[in-house]
Amino acid sequence: MANLAFKDFLAGLTGASLLGDTDVIPALQGGATVGALVSNIPLNKLDSTTKLAITKLAAIADQRILGNVSGGSASASALTAAQVRTMLALVIGTNVQAWSAVLDAAAALSGAVVGTTDTQTLTNKRKTARVTSPSIVSNAITPNGDTSDIVKTAAIAAGLTINAISGTPTDGQILQIWLLNDSTGGYALTWDTTIVGSVTQPLPTTSGTASTFQHVVLQWSATGSKWVCQSVVDGCV
């Protein structure tokens, strides 16, 4: 239904002497759009220039955009949103941005946006450690250095092998392995050859105290292509 205020405007603009009550008033009281109403006005009552001007105003009242997508002298018709974008050479995602809740959230941020490759200093931020619990399969675990900061095992009840750590580590990356002992504890540990100790901090050969965690902290050395043991803490809760 067309804008009622515009219908009133149209009736006042044309007047009974121009259109006649029998032509306008019933349609104004009905549900026809203003554009449809104007198009039905006989040309002998409204010259073509005035009729075209009112038709364009009617398009605004009906919230439409008129245009000619075929070119030439064809009459203008109501365009769809897709046709308007085509005529304006606008492609969503290329020339214009579609609405996005993510962009709304970004616009509401008060601080600087953190870039993935930018050099920035972060303050008042907390990094939440990624804790994973790989399954113990055939008395062995395979930690993933790409998805874990802490590898936390279920209670081990036999000797355990720590396989090569999967992923693509970066120089200096830290990975902690938390080994949980059952009520017996002290189980033999076997480490992959890519995981090594040092002169001052050897790798543990047993899992430590019963019913507690043993924390083993490793750091990746790109020079030696090894995970090097930095510390071992036994009896952790």
Protein backbone atom coordinates (compact mmCIF):
# COMPACT_ATOMS: atom_id res chain seq x y z
CA MET A 1 0.00 0.00 0.00
CA ALA A 2 1.33 3.44 -0.90
CA ASN A 3 2.16 6.15 1.59
CA LEU A 4 -1.15 7.73 2.64
CA ALA A 5 0.37 11.19 3.05
CA PHE A 6 1.53 11.05 -0.55
CA LYS A 7 -1.96 10.03 -1.66
CA ASP A 8 -3.33 13.10 0.09
CA PHE A 9 -0.64 15.18 -1.62
CA LEU A 10 -1.57 13.70 -5.00
CA ALA A 11 -5.24 14.41 -4.49
CA GLY A 12 -4.49 18.02 -3.52
CA LEU A 13 -2.04 18.47 -6.40
CA THR A 14 -4.40 17.24 -9.12
CA GLY A 15 -7.69 18.45 -7.68
CA ALA A 16 -11.24 17.46 -8.57
CA SER A 17 -11.31 19.80 -11.56
CA LEU A 18 -8.40 17.89 -13.12
CA LEU A 19 -9.14 14.30 -12.26
CA GLY A 20 -12.67 14.21 -11.04
CA ASP A 21 -13.81 12.55 -7.87
CA THR A 22 -14.89 9.37 -9.64
CA ASP A 23 -11.34 8.84 -10.97
CA VAL A 24 -9.29 9.45 -7.81
CA ILE A 25 -11.19 9.25 -4.56
CA PRO A 26 -12.17 5.52 -4.68
CA ALA A 27 -8.59 4.51 -5.51
CA LEU A 28 -7.15 6.71 -2.78
CA GLN A 29 -9.38 4.97 -0.28
CA GLY A 30 -8.33 1.52 -1.52
CA GLY A 31 -5.07 -0.39 -1.29
CA ALA A 32 -3.59 0.43 -4.69
CA THR A 33 -0.08 1.80 -4.88
CA VAL A 34 0.34 5.42 -5.92
CA GLY A 35 2.28 4.29 -8.98
CA ALA A 36 -0.60 2.11 -10.11
CA LEU A 37 -3.05 4.94 -9.46
CA VAL A 38 -1.07 7.47 -11.50
CA SER A 39 -0.57 5.06 -14.40
CA ASN A 40 -4.34 4.75 -14.74
CA ILE A 41 -4.96 8.51 -14.97
CA PRO A 42 -6.10 9.33 -18.54
CA LEU A 43 -3.63 11.55 -20.42
CA ASN A 44 -6.41 13.97 -21.35
CA LYS A 45 -6.66 14.85 -17.66
CA LEU A 46 -2.92 15.03 -16.90
CA ASP A 47 -0.25 15.99 -19.43
CA SER A 48 2.53 13.41 -19.97
CA THR A 49 5.31 15.52 -18.40
CA THR A 50 3.38 16.07 -15.19
CA LYS A 51 2.28 12.46 -15.16
CA LEU A 52 5.92 11.27 -15.46
CA ALA A 53 7.02 13.58 -12.64
CA ILE A 54 4.26 12.33 -10.36
CA THR A 55 5.08 8.73 -11.32
CA LYS A 56 8.67 9.24 -10.18
CA LEU A 57 7.44 10.75 -6.94
CA ALA A 58 5.09 7.81 -6.61
CA ALA A 59 8.03 5.43 -6.93
CA ILE A 60 9.62 7.12 -3.93
CA ALA A 61 6.36 6.87 -1.99
CA ASP A 62 6.13 3.18 -2.89
CA GLN A 63 9.82 2.74 -1.94
CA ARG A 64 10.83 1.62 -5.40
CA ILE A 65 13.65 2.55 -7.79
CA LEU A 66 12.76 2.97 -11.46
CA GLY A 67 15.16 2.22 -14.26
CA ASN A 68 15.67 0.72 -17.70
CA VAL A 69 17.89 -2.37 -17.66
CA SER A 70 17.46 -3.15 -21.35
CA GLY A 71 18.64 0.21 -22.71
CA GLY A 72 17.13 2.16 -25.60
CA SER A 73 13.85 3.97 -25.21
CA ALA A 74 12.06 1.30 -23.19
CA SER A 75 9.87 2.56 -20.38
CA ALA A 76 11.30 2.63 -16.89
CA SER A 77 10.10 -0.05 -14.50
CA ALA A 78 10.61 -0.95 -10.85
CA LEU A 79 14.06 -2.48 -10.32
CA THR A 80 15.03 -5.24 -7.97
CA ALA A 81 17.93 -4.80 -5.55
CA ALA A 82 20.06 -7.12 -7.72
CA GLN A 83 19.32 -5.05 -10.84
CA VAL A 84 20.28 -1.82 -9.06
CA ARG A 85 23.60 -3.35 -7.97
CA THR A 86 24.24 -4.51 -11.54
CA MET A 87 23.48 -1.09 -13.03
CA LEU A 88 25.79 0.57 -10.48
CA ALA A 89 28.49 -2.09 -11.09
CA LEU A 90 28.49 -2.97 -7.39
CA VAL A 91 29.46 -6.45 -6.23
CA ILE A 92 28.84 -7.36 -2.60
CA GLY A 93 32.14 -8.25 -0.99
CA THR A 94 34.14 -6.42 -3.69
CA ASN A 95 32.71 -2.90 -4.05
CA VAL A 96 30.36 -2.87 -1.08
CA GLN A 97 30.36 -4.77 2.20
CA ALA A 98 27.35 -6.82 3.19
CA TRP A 99 26.15 -6.49 6.77
CA SER A 100 28.19 -8.57 9.19
CA ALA A 101 27.76 -9.11 12.92
CA VAL A 102 31.54 -9.58 13.13
CA LEU A 103 32.11 -6.10 11.65
CA ASP A 104 29.57 -4.64 14.07
CA ALA A 105 31.50 -6.20 16.95
CA ALA A 106 34.82 -4.91 15.58
CA ALA A 107 33.40 -1.40 15.24
CA ALA A 108 32.39 -1.48 18.90
CA LEU A 109 35.96 -2.15 20.08
CA SER A 110 37.55 0.75 21.94
CA GLY A 111 41.21 -0.25 21.63
CA ALA A 112 43.52 -0.94 18.71
CA VAL A 113 42.84 -4.05 16.65
CA VAL A 114 45.52 -6.72 17.05
CA GLY A 115 46.97 -7.76 13.68
CA THR A 116 48.27 -11.23 12.89
CA THR A 117 51.62 -9.96 11.55
CA ASP A 118 51.87 -6.50 13.16
CA THR A 119 54.49 -5.61 15.75
CA GLN A 120 52.41 -4.52 18.73
CA THR A 121 52.74 -4.28 22.50
CA LEU A 122 49.83 -5.83 24.37
CA THR A 123 48.90 -4.79 27.91
CA ASN A 124 46.28 -6.08 30.33
CA LYS A 125 45.83 -9.27 28.32
CA ARG A 126 45.79 -12.89 29.44
CA LYS A 127 46.83 -15.82 27.27
CA THR A 128 44.84 -18.91 28.13
CA ALA A 129 46.92 -22.08 27.85
CA ARG A 130 45.73 -24.73 25.43
CA VAL A 131 45.38 -27.92 27.48
CA THR A 132 44.92 -31.24 25.69
CA SER A 133 44.65 -34.82 26.92
CA PRO A 134 45.85 -37.27 24.27
CA SER A 135 44.67 -40.83 24.56
CA ILE A 136 47.08 -43.42 25.91
CA VAL A 137 47.33 -46.04 23.17
CA SER A 138 49.45 -49.15 23.72
CA ASN A 139 51.08 -47.39 26.68
CA ALA A 140 52.16 -44.43 24.52
CA ILE A 141 51.06 -40.86 23.86
CA THR A 142 51.68 -38.56 20.88
CA PRO A 143 51.57 -34.89 21.93
CA ASN A 144 50.65 -32.22 19.38
CA GLY A 145 52.76 -29.07 19.64
CA ASP A 146 50.52 -27.11 17.26
CA THR A 147 47.39 -27.44 19.38
CA SER A 148 48.82 -27.74 22.90
CA ASP A 149 50.65 -25.66 25.48
CA ILE A 150 50.07 -28.30 28.15
CA VAL A 151 49.68 -32.02 27.49
CA LYS A 152 47.89 -33.59 30.44
CA THR A 153 47.62 -37.39 30.64
CA ALA A 154 45.08 -39.57 32.34
CA ALA A 155 46.41 -41.72 35.16
CA ILE A 156 49.14 -44.01 33.85
CA ALA A 157 49.30 -47.51 35.24
CA ALA A 158 52.30 -48.90 33.38
CA GLY A 159 55.47 -47.80 31.66
CA LEU A 160 54.81 -44.97 29.17
CA THR A 161 56.40 -43.99 25.85
CA ILE A 162 56.27 -40.35 24.76
CA ASN A 163 56.32 -40.40 20.96
CA ALA A 164 57.70 -37.68 18.68
CA ILE A 165 55.73 -34.46 19.20
CA SER A 166 53.69 -33.69 16.09
CA GLY A 167 53.29 -30.26 14.50
CA THR A 168 55.59 -27.49 13.28
CA PRO A 169 57.20 -25.88 16.35
CA THR A 170 58.82 -22.45 16.37
CA ASP A 171 62.19 -21.64 17.90
CA GLY A 172 61.82 -21.22 21.67
CA GLN A 173 58.31 -22.67 21.83
CA ILE A 174 57.40 -24.10 25.24
CA LEU A 175 55.46 -27.33 25.77
CA GLN A 176 54.64 -28.84 29.16
CA ILE A 177 53.86 -32.51 29.67
CA TRP A 178 51.98 -33.36 32.85
CA LEU A 179 52.13 -37.08 33.67
CA LEU A 180 49.54 -38.29 36.20
CA ASN A 181 50.49 -41.34 38.27
CA ASP A 182 48.00 -43.83 39.60
CA SER A 183 48.17 -45.02 43.22
CA THR A 184 51.39 -46.89 42.46
CA GLY A 185 53.48 -44.42 40.40
CA GLY A 186 57.15 -44.66 39.56
CA TYR A 187 56.60 -46.12 36.08
CA ALA A 188 59.39 -46.26 33.48
CA LEU A 189 59.40 -43.49 30.86
CA THR A 190 60.72 -43.79 27.32
CA TRP A 191 61.26 -40.60 25.30
CA ASP A 192 61.44 -40.21 21.52
CA THR A 193 64.91 -39.28 20.23
CA THR A 194 63.62 -35.80 19.28
CA ILE A 195 63.04 -35.11 22.99
CA VAL A 196 66.28 -34.73 24.92
CA GLY A 197 67.72 -33.57 28.21
CA SER A 198 70.78 -31.48 28.92
CA VAL A 199 73.83 -31.74 31.15
CA THR A 200 72.12 -29.82 33.93
CA GLN A 201 68.57 -31.06 33.32
CA PRO A 202 68.19 -34.67 32.16
CA LEU A 203 64.86 -36.15 31.20
CA PRO A 204 63.11 -38.16 33.93
CA THR A 205 63.33 -41.93 33.56
CA THR A 206 60.37 -42.65 35.85
CA SER A 207 57.00 -41.00 36.28
CA GLY A 208 57.49 -39.96 39.89
CA THR A 209 55.35 -40.04 43.01
CA ALA A 210 52.11 -42.02 43.28
CA SER A 211 48.80 -40.17 42.83
CA THR A 212 50.48 -36.92 41.73
CA PHE A 213 51.53 -35.20 38.52
CA GLN A 214 55.05 -34.97 37.23
CA HIS A 215 55.55 -31.75 35.21
CA VAL A 216 58.12 -31.89 32.42
CA VAL A 217 58.80 -28.57 30.66
CA LEU A 218 60.25 -28.76 27.13
CA GLN A 219 61.50 -26.04 24.78
CA TRP A 220 62.03 -26.35 21.03
CA SER A 221 65.51 -25.66 19.69
CA ALA A 222 65.44 -24.89 15.97
CA THR A 223 69.24 -25.18 15.90
CA GLY A 224 69.25 -28.79 17.06
CA SER A 225 65.70 -29.65 15.89
CA LYS A 226 65.04 -31.05 19.36
CA TRP A 227 62.68 -30.54 22.27
CA VAL A 228 65.05 -29.84 25.17
CA CYS A 229 64.05 -30.50 28.78
CA GLN A 230 64.08 -27.30 30.86
CA SER A 231 62.73 -28.56 34.18
CA VAL A 232 61.14 -31.53 35.94
CA VAL A 233 58.88 -31.03 38.95
CA ASP A 234 57.69 -34.11 40.81
CA GLY A 235 54.78 -34.51 43.24
CA CYS A 236 52.49 -31.84 41.74
CA VAL A 237 48.79 -31.84 42.56
